[in-house]
Protein backbone atom coordinates (compact mmCIF):
# COMPACT_ATOMS: atom_id res chain seq x y z
CA MET A 1 82.41 111.89 204.10
CA GLU A 2 80.51 114.67 202.38
CA SER A 3 77.29 113.40 200.83
CA ARG A 4 76.89 114.04 197.08
CA GLN A 5 73.66 114.47 195.23
CA SER A 6 73.28 112.58 191.97
CA ILE A 7 70.73 111.89 189.26
CA THR A 8 70.18 108.87 187.14
CA LEU A 9 71.46 108.58 183.62
CA LEU A 10 67.88 108.53 182.38
CA GLU A 11 67.24 111.84 184.12
CA LEU A 12 70.36 113.31 182.53
CA THR A 13 69.32 112.20 179.08
CA ARG A 14 65.86 113.65 179.67
CA ARG A 15 67.40 116.98 180.60
CA ILE A 16 69.57 116.88 177.47
CA GLY A 17 66.50 116.07 175.37
CA ALA A 18 64.60 118.92 176.97
CA ALA A 19 67.52 121.27 176.31
CA VAL A 20 67.60 120.24 172.69
CA SER A 21 63.84 120.80 172.41
CA GLU A 22 64.10 124.21 174.08
CA CYS A 23 66.80 125.27 171.58
CA GLY A 24 64.15 125.22 168.88
CA ILE A 25 66.19 123.41 166.24
CA HIS A 26 63.25 122.83 163.92
CA ASP A 27 62.98 123.34 160.16
CA VAL A 28 66.66 124.28 159.78
CA TRP A 29 68.20 123.89 156.31
CA VAL A 30 71.52 122.08 156.50
CA THR A 31 74.02 121.18 153.73
CA ALA A 32 75.91 117.93 154.15
CA GLU A 33 77.05 114.75 152.42
CA THR A 34 75.19 111.49 152.89
CA SER A 35 77.01 108.40 154.15
CA ASP A 36 76.12 104.84 155.09
CA LEU A 37 72.58 105.25 153.73
CA ARG A 38 70.31 102.25 154.28
CA GLN A 39 66.60 101.41 154.42
CA SER A 40 64.75 99.44 157.04
CA GLY A 41 61.05 99.05 157.73
CA GLY A 42 60.16 101.76 155.23
CA HIS A 43 62.43 104.25 157.00
CA CYS A 44 65.71 105.60 155.61
CA TYR A 45 68.72 105.87 157.91
CA MET A 46 72.01 107.59 157.15
CA GLU A 47 74.80 109.72 158.52
CA LEU A 48 75.30 113.31 157.51
CA ILE A 49 78.94 114.38 157.37
CA GLN A 50 80.96 117.45 156.52
CA LYS A 51 84.52 117.11 155.21
CA HIS A 52 87.40 119.52 154.99
CA PRO A 53 87.46 120.92 151.43
CA ASP A 54 91.19 120.32 151.02
CA SER A 55 92.26 117.43 153.25
CA GLY A 56 88.97 115.52 153.15
CA ALA A 57 89.09 115.02 156.90
CA THR A 58 85.71 114.63 158.62
CA LEU A 59 84.83 117.82 160.47
CA ALA A 60 81.34 116.87 161.69
CA ARG A 61 79.13 113.76 161.75
CA ILE A 62 75.58 113.08 162.98
CA ARG A 63 72.97 110.39 162.49
CA ALA A 64 69.85 111.26 160.52
CA ALA A 65 66.63 109.57 159.48
CA ILE A 66 63.71 110.03 157.13
CA TRP A 67 60.63 108.40 158.54
CA ALA A 68 58.55 106.19 156.33
CA SER A 69 55.74 108.73 156.25
CA ARG A 70 57.98 111.13 154.31
CA TYR A 71 60.62 108.90 152.70
CA GLY A 72 58.52 107.65 149.76
CA SER A 73 57.50 111.09 148.56
CA LEU A 74 60.93 112.67 149.18
CA ASP A 75 62.75 109.89 147.32
CA PHE A 76 60.30 110.14 144.39
CA GLU A 77 60.66 113.93 144.13
CA PHE A 78 64.43 113.68 144.36
CA ARG A 79 64.57 111.00 141.65
CA GLN A 80 62.29 112.99 139.35
CA ALA A 81 64.45 116.10 139.68
CA THR A 82 67.95 114.58 139.61
CA GLY A 83 67.42 111.31 137.76
CA SER A 84 68.78 109.31 140.69
CA ARG A 85 67.67 108.00 144.04
CA LEU A 86 69.05 109.08 147.36
CA ALA A 87 72.34 107.26 147.99
CA SER A 88 75.57 107.54 149.91
CA GLY A 89 78.09 110.10 148.74
CA VAL A 90 75.54 112.67 147.59
CA ARG A 91 75.60 116.26 148.77
CA ILE A 92 72.13 117.42 149.82
CA MET A 93 70.40 120.41 151.34
CA ALA A 94 67.89 119.08 153.90
CA LYS A 95 65.39 120.68 156.25
CA VAL A 96 65.98 119.01 159.62
CA ALA A 97 64.81 118.97 163.18
CA ALA A 98 67.08 118.02 166.07
CA SER A 99 65.99 115.09 168.24
CA TYR A 100 67.52 113.43 171.28
CA HIS A 101 66.68 109.89 172.37
CA PRO A 102 67.79 108.48 175.74
CA VAL A 103 69.09 105.30 174.05
CA TYR A 104 70.07 106.40 170.53
CA GLY A 105 71.38 109.83 171.38
CA LEU A 106 71.34 112.96 169.23
CA SER A 107 70.09 112.68 165.65
CA LEU A 108 68.36 114.68 162.98
CA VAL A 109 65.01 114.04 161.37
CA ILE A 110 64.87 115.03 157.72
CA ASN A 111 61.55 116.49 156.66
CA ASP A 112 62.42 117.92 153.23
CA ILE A 113 65.23 117.92 150.63
CA ASP A 114 66.04 120.54 147.97
CA PRO A 115 67.09 118.56 144.82
CA ASP A 116 68.22 121.74 143.05
CA TYR A 117 71.14 121.99 145.49
CA THR A 118 72.25 118.44 144.67
CA MET A 119 72.04 119.11 140.95
CA GLY A 120 74.00 122.31 141.38
CA ASP A 121 76.66 120.52 143.39
CA LEU A 122 77.06 117.83 140.74
CA LEU A 123 77.37 120.45 138.04
CA ARG A 124 79.83 122.44 140.16
CA ARG A 125 82.05 119.40 140.71
CA ARG A 126 81.94 118.57 137.02
CA ARG A 127 82.73 122.15 136.06
CA GLU A 128 85.69 122.28 138.46
CA ILE A 129 87.13 119.06 137.01
CA LEU A 130 86.80 120.32 133.45
CA GLN A 131 88.33 123.69 134.37
CA ARG A 132 91.28 121.92 135.98
CA LEU A 133 91.83 119.68 132.95
CA THR A 134 91.57 122.71 130.68
CA ALA A 135 94.17 124.57 132.74
CA GLU A 136 96.46 121.55 132.45
CA GLY A 137 96.03 121.55 128.67
CA VAL A 138 94.77 117.96 128.44
CA VAL A 139 90.98 118.28 128.21
CA ASP A 140 90.90 117.95 124.39
CA MET A 141 93.75 115.47 123.86
CA ASN A 142 91.64 112.34 123.38
CA ARG A 143 88.95 114.15 121.42
CA GLN A 144 91.59 115.25 118.88
CA LEU A 145 92.85 111.72 118.12
CA ASP A 146 92.21 110.35 114.63
CA TRP A 147 90.20 107.16 114.22
CA PRO A 148 92.13 104.22 112.76
CA VAL A 149 90.69 102.82 109.52
CA PRO A 150 89.05 100.44 110.01
CA VAL A 151 88.18 100.27 113.73
CA GLN A 152 88.16 96.52 114.40
CA ARG A 153 90.39 95.73 117.41
CA ILE A 154 88.50 96.87 120.50
CA ALA A 155 89.55 96.88 124.16
CA VAL A 156 86.39 96.76 126.32
CA VAL A 157 86.28 98.06 129.89
CA SER A 158 83.17 96.69 131.59
CA ALA A 159 81.98 94.52 134.43
CA GLU A 160 82.26 90.87 133.44
CA GLY A 161 78.82 89.32 133.08
CA ALA A 162 77.05 92.69 133.12
CA ALA A 163 73.93 93.04 130.98
CA GLY A 164 75.37 96.10 129.24
CA TYR A 165 78.46 94.14 128.21
CA GLY A 166 76.28 91.33 126.87
CA ASP A 167 74.15 93.78 124.88
CA PHE A 168 77.30 95.34 123.40
CA MET A 169 78.78 92.02 122.33
CA HIS A 170 75.51 90.78 120.82
CA GLN A 171 74.99 93.96 118.83
CA LEU A 172 78.61 93.98 117.64
CA TYR A 173 78.94 90.38 116.51
CA CYS A 174 75.41 89.81 115.20
CA ASN A 175 75.53 92.65 112.68
CA SER A 176 73.65 92.25 109.40
CA ARG A 177 76.77 92.41 107.20
CA SER A 178 78.73 89.84 109.23
CA LEU A 179 81.53 92.34 109.82
CA ARG A 180 84.37 90.88 111.83
CA PHE A 181 85.63 92.50 115.04
CA SER A 182 88.22 91.51 117.62
CA THR A 183 87.40 92.32 121.26
CA GLU A 184 89.12 91.74 124.58
CA LEU A 185 87.48 92.42 127.94
CA PHE A 186 89.38 94.21 130.69
CA PRO A 187 87.12 93.69 133.73
CA ALA A 188 86.51 96.63 136.06
CA ILE A 189 84.15 97.81 138.77
CA LEU A 190 81.84 100.43 137.29
CA GLN A 191 79.92 101.74 140.29
CA GLY A 192 80.69 102.82 143.79
CA GLU A 193 83.76 104.34 145.39
CA LYS A 194 86.13 101.75 143.90
CA ALA A 195 85.03 102.38 140.32
CA PRO A 196 87.51 105.16 139.37
CA ALA A 197 90.59 103.25 140.56
CA SER A 198 89.31 100.03 138.96
CA VAL A 199 88.73 101.65 135.55
CA ILE A 200 92.12 103.39 135.72
CA ALA A 201 93.78 100.03 136.42
CA ALA A 202 92.04 98.54 133.37
CA LEU A 203 93.23 101.45 131.22
CA ASP A 204 96.79 100.92 132.47
CA ARG A 205 96.66 97.27 131.37
CA ILE A 206 95.44 98.34 127.93
CA ALA A 207 98.16 100.99 127.65
CA GLU A 208 100.80 98.27 128.10
CA ARG A 209 99.50 96.71 124.84
CA VAL A 210 98.47 99.86 123.04
CA ASP A 211 99.59 98.54 119.63
CA ASP A 212 97.13 95.63 119.89
CA PHE A 213 93.99 97.81 119.76
CA ASP A 214 92.33 100.49 117.66
CA CYS A 215 90.16 102.00 120.39
CA VAL A 216 88.82 101.60 123.94
CA VAL A 217 85.14 101.23 124.86
CA ILE A 218 84.04 101.98 128.44
CA ILE A 219 80.48 100.69 128.85
CA ARG A 220 78.00 100.28 131.65
CA GLY A 221 74.30 99.52 131.45
CA GLY A 222 71.47 101.45 132.99
CA GLY A 223 70.69 101.75 136.67
CA ALA A 224 70.44 104.44 139.28
CA SER A 225 72.03 107.66 138.12
CA SER A 226 73.57 108.03 141.56
CA ASP A 227 75.72 105.03 140.68
CA LEU A 228 77.31 107.16 137.98
CA ALA A 229 78.67 109.73 140.44
CA SER A 230 81.93 107.80 140.52
CA PHE A 231 82.53 108.76 136.88
CA ASP A 232 82.69 112.44 137.84
CA ASP A 233 86.21 111.85 139.13
CA TYR A 234 89.25 113.98 138.30
CA ASP A 235 91.82 111.16 138.18
CA LEU A 236 89.66 109.01 135.93
CA ALA A 237 88.81 111.93 133.64
CA SER A 238 92.51 112.87 133.40
CA ASN A 239 93.42 109.30 132.41
CA VAL A 240 90.74 109.15 129.72
CA ALA A 241 91.63 112.61 128.38
CA GLN A 242 95.31 111.63 127.95
CA PHE A 243 94.80 108.05 126.80
CA PRO A 244 96.71 107.32 123.56
CA LEU A 245 93.80 105.48 121.89
CA PRO A 246 90.38 106.95 121.02
CA VAL A 247 87.93 106.26 123.88
CA ILE A 248 84.21 105.62 123.45
CA VAL A 249 82.09 106.12 126.59
CA GLY A 250 78.70 104.43 126.73
CA VAL A 251 77.57 104.72 130.32
CA GLY A 252 74.02 104.79 131.66
CA HIS A 253 71.00 106.16 129.81
CA GLU A 254 70.68 108.90 127.23
CA ARG A 255 69.82 111.44 129.91
CA ASP A 256 72.88 110.56 132.02
CA VAL A 257 75.96 112.74 131.64
CA THR A 258 79.33 112.45 133.38
CA VAL A 259 82.61 114.32 133.04
CA LEU A 260 83.95 111.44 130.91
CA ASP A 261 81.46 112.40 128.21
CA TYR A 262 83.29 115.73 127.85
CA VAL A 263 86.83 114.33 127.54
CA ALA A 264 86.39 111.06 125.61
CA ARG A 265 86.76 110.87 121.82
CA MET A 266 83.10 109.87 121.53
CA ARG A 267 80.10 109.74 123.82
CA VAL A 268 77.19 107.37 123.06
CA LYS A 269 74.06 106.95 125.09
CA THR A 270 74.22 103.20 125.82
CA PRO A 271 76.50 100.16 125.37
CA THR A 272 74.29 99.06 122.48
CA ALA A 273 74.77 102.45 120.81
CA ALA A 274 78.55 102.00 121.10
CA ALA A 275 78.33 98.72 119.19
CA GLU A 276 75.95 100.28 116.63
CA TRP A 277 78.44 103.08 115.95
CA LEU A 278 81.32 100.64 115.47
CA VAL A 279 79.23 98.55 113.08
CA SER A 280 78.17 101.67 111.17
CA GLN A 281 81.82 102.68 110.77
CA GLY A 282 82.62 99.25 109.41
CA MET A 283 79.72 99.44 106.96
CA GLU A 284 80.87 102.87 105.80
CA GLN A 285 84.33 101.49 105.10
CA LEU A 286 82.80 98.51 103.31
CA GLN A 287 80.67 100.85 101.22
CA LEU A 288 83.70 102.99 100.46
CA LEU A 289 85.62 99.91 99.36
CA GLY A 290 82.72 99.00 97.08
CA GLN A 291 82.78 102.49 95.57
CA LEU A 292 86.54 102.34 95.11
CA GLY A 293 86.17 98.91 93.49
CA SER A 294 83.55 100.25 91.07
CA GLU A 295 85.72 103.24 90.23
CA LEU A 296 88.74 101.00 89.73
CA TYR A 297 86.68 98.72 87.47
CA ARG A 298 85.53 101.73 85.47
CA LEU A 299 89.05 103.08 85.06
CA VAL A 300 90.55 99.70 84.18
CA SER A 301 87.73 98.94 81.75
CA GLY A 302 88.25 102.30 80.07
CA ARG A 303 91.98 101.72 79.86
CA ILE A 304 91.52 98.23 78.43
CA SER A 305 88.97 99.53 75.92
CA GLY A 306 91.35 102.27 74.84
CA ASP A 307 94.23 99.84 74.54
CA ALA A 308 92.04 97.48 72.52
CA ARG A 309 91.26 100.27 70.04
CA GLN A 310 94.90 101.18 69.84
CA LEU A 311 95.89 97.55 69.26
CA ALA A 312 93.25 97.26 66.52
CA TYR A 313 94.66 100.37 64.84
CA ILE A 314 98.21 99.03 65.10
CA GLU A 315 97.08 95.68 63.75
CA GLY A 316 95.55 97.43 60.77
CA GLN A 317 98.81 99.28 60.15
CA LEU A 318 101.07 96.25 60.44
CA ALA A 319 100.66 94.98 56.82
CA PRO A 320 101.33 98.39 55.14
CA LEU A 321 104.20 99.07 57.52
CA ALA A 322 105.70 95.64 56.84
CA ARG A 323 105.44 96.17 53.07
CA ALA A 324 107.00 99.61 53.35
CA ALA A 325 109.80 98.25 55.51
CA HIS A 326 110.37 95.41 53.06
CA GLU A 327 110.51 97.85 50.15
CA ARG A 328 112.98 100.09 51.95
CA ALA A 329 115.16 97.07 52.79
CA ARG A 330 115.04 95.86 49.19
CA GLN A 331 116.05 99.27 47.86
CA ARG A 332 118.89 99.42 50.35
CA LEU A 333 120.10 95.96 49.29
CA ASP A 334 119.92 96.97 45.63
CA SER A 335 121.98 100.04 46.39
CA ILE A 336 124.54 97.98 48.29
CA ALA A 337 124.68 95.39 45.47
CA ALA A 338 125.34 98.15 42.92
CA GLN A 339 128.18 99.46 45.02
CA MET A 340 129.75 96.05 45.70
CA PRO A 341 132.16 95.90 42.63
CA THR A 342 133.56 99.34 43.33
CA LEU A 343 133.82 98.61 47.07
CA ALA A 344 135.51 95.25 46.35
CA ALA A 345 137.99 96.83 43.91
CA ASN A 346 138.83 99.51 46.43
CA ILE A 347 139.35 96.94 49.15
CA LEU A 348 141.57 94.78 46.87
CA ASP A 349 143.63 97.79 45.80
CA ARG A 350 144.18 98.85 49.43
CA SER A 351 145.10 95.27 50.33
CA ARG A 352 147.57 95.04 47.39
CA GLN A 353 149.21 98.28 48.44
CA GLN A 354 149.53 97.04 52.03
CA LEU A 355 151.08 93.75 50.81
CA ASP A 356 153.59 95.59 48.59
CA SER A 357 154.57 97.78 51.50
CA LEU A 358 155.00 94.76 53.76
CA GLY A 359 157.04 92.98 51.07
CA ARG A 360 159.42 95.88 50.76
CA MET A 361 159.77 96.02 54.51
CA LEU A 362 160.50 92.27 54.72
CA ASP A 363 163.06 92.54 51.94
CA MET A 364 164.84 95.32 53.78
CA LEU A 365 164.88 93.32 56.98
CA SER A 366 165.94 89.96 55.37
CA PRO A 367 169.58 88.56 55.81
CA LEU A 368 170.09 88.56 52.02
CA SER A 369 169.57 92.27 51.90
CA THR A 370 172.16 92.61 54.64
CA LEU A 371 174.64 90.39 52.78
CA ARG A 372 174.22 92.45 49.60
CA ARG A 373 175.37 95.48 51.54
CA GLY A 374 178.77 93.72 52.14
CA TYR A 375 178.14 92.00 55.38
CA THR A 376 178.83 88.22 55.98
CA ILE A 377 177.59 85.56 58.35
CA THR A 378 180.00 83.11 59.93
CA ARG A 379 178.78 79.84 61.40
CA SER A 380 180.36 76.97 63.20
CA GLY A 381 178.12 74.03 62.47
CA ASP A 382 174.56 75.23 63.18
CA ARG A 383 175.70 78.04 65.47
CA THR A 384 176.07 81.58 64.20
CA LEU A 385 179.21 83.24 65.59
CA THR A 386 178.81 86.73 66.94
CA SER A 387 182.15 87.17 68.82
CA VAL A 388 185.83 86.52 68.12
CA LYS A 389 185.96 84.81 71.45
CA GLN A 390 183.98 81.95 69.92
CA LEU A 391 186.89 81.08 67.54
CA ALA A 392 189.48 78.36 68.16
CA SER A 393 192.39 76.71 66.25
CA GLY A 394 191.37 73.70 64.17
CA GLN A 395 187.75 74.97 64.08
CA ARG A 396 185.86 74.49 60.78
CA LEU A 397 183.89 77.55 59.74
CA THR A 398 181.37 78.50 57.03
CA THR A 399 181.09 82.11 55.89
CA SER A 400 178.04 83.22 53.88
CA PHE A 401 178.32 85.99 51.25
CA ALA A 402 175.66 87.54 49.07
CA ASP A 403 176.70 85.36 46.14
CA GLY A 404 177.76 82.11 47.92
CA GLU A 405 179.49 80.39 50.85
CA ALA A 406 183.10 79.49 51.72
CA GLU A 407 184.17 76.70 54.06
CA TYR A 408 187.60 76.69 55.73
CA MET A 409 189.53 75.67 58.87
CA ILE A 410 191.43 77.86 61.26
CA ILE A 411 195.03 76.55 61.37
CA ASN A 412 196.78 79.28 63.26
CA LEU A 413 194.50 81.67 65.21
CA SER A 414 195.73 85.12 65.95
CA VAL A 415 193.25 87.45 67.70
CA LYS A 416 193.92 91.19 67.75
C-alpha cells in the first residue's frame, strides 16, 4: 500500500490562519446587517449577514466581535449619533480585520463603525416606503380624515402593562375638568420583529368594530431607538395610512421619528402627549359649548325682552281697542234694529206670496177641482173603482159629483 503523508488538523488550521493573515485583510470597511447581537464579559458578539435585496435570502454570513476595549466607546458614539444602541437588524458600515482561530474558525473583529451610514440607511428605507405609498395613492388617506366631535371613544393599541400605557390612561382619566372618555385596549407587541404583524392584527380587530370608536391611539413608551426600527415597516405603514379611523401615533421620545409619523392623522411625541391632546380637544368642545350656551342665553333673553315690550304695548292697547270694538258692535246692532221692521215686512210679504201660490196649486190639484170640471168618482164601499172590470151585478155603488153624491145598485150589468 502506498504510504500517504498527512498533517494534523491543528496544523491545517494554523496554515489557514497564516493564509488569512498573509492576505492582509485589515482595516477593510464592510457594509452588512447585524444579527443575533449579544454581550458577554464586556465584549459584543454578533453575526454579520448580507441578504438578497428582493428575495431576502441570506447570501453571506460571518461571525464578528467587538472586544471590550473598543465596545464601550463605539457603542457610545453610535448612540450619540443615531439615538439608539447597537442591536440586531441594523445595517452598519464597519471597519474590520479578518481573524482565524483553530477552534472558533473564521471571524471578523470590528474596530470602528460609521454611524452616518446607519442613519442614511434608515432614512433611505423610510423614504422608499413613503415613495411606494405615495405611488399607490394612499399616503395621505388617514391624514385627510375628519375628527369626530367630540373624540371620546378611543381604541388603544399598546403593550398591556407597559409604562407608556399607564401614563396615557392616568393623564386621560385624571384630567382637571373630569372629562369622560371610553377606552378599550387592544394588546400588541411594540418592539422587535413581531411588532408590525402584532400591531396590524390589533388594527384588524378594531376595524371589525369600527363604529364603536372615534379614533385609534398607537402608543409606546421610551426606550432604545433601535427598538423603533420595527415601525419603519411598509405593511404596517400601509395599514395605518388606509385605516378608516383617525390614528394618533405616540411612540418613543420627541426626537424619535418613524414612517408611521408621516402617514398617521396625528403624531405626538409621547403617550402622555397623546392623552393631553385628547383632553385639550375635549376642553375646547366644552368651552365651545359654554360659548354657544352664552350666545343662546343672550339671544333668548333678547327675544323674551322684546316680546315683553310687545306684550306691554298690546296690553296698553287692549282697553281702547275693546271700547272701539264695542262701539262698532253697538252701531251695527242699532243699524240692524232700525232695519228690522222693513226686513220683517219683506219677509212676511214674500211668505204670504209663497203661501198664496201654494194654495192655488193645492186647489188645482184637489179632487173637488177635478169634480167641478165634470169628472166623477165611483166607489164600492171604501174602495175607489178605476176599471169597469171591478163592477158586478148586485153591487152597491156611490158616485161623487161636484155638488153631491148618488147611491145605487147595479141590477143588470152590461159591459161594452
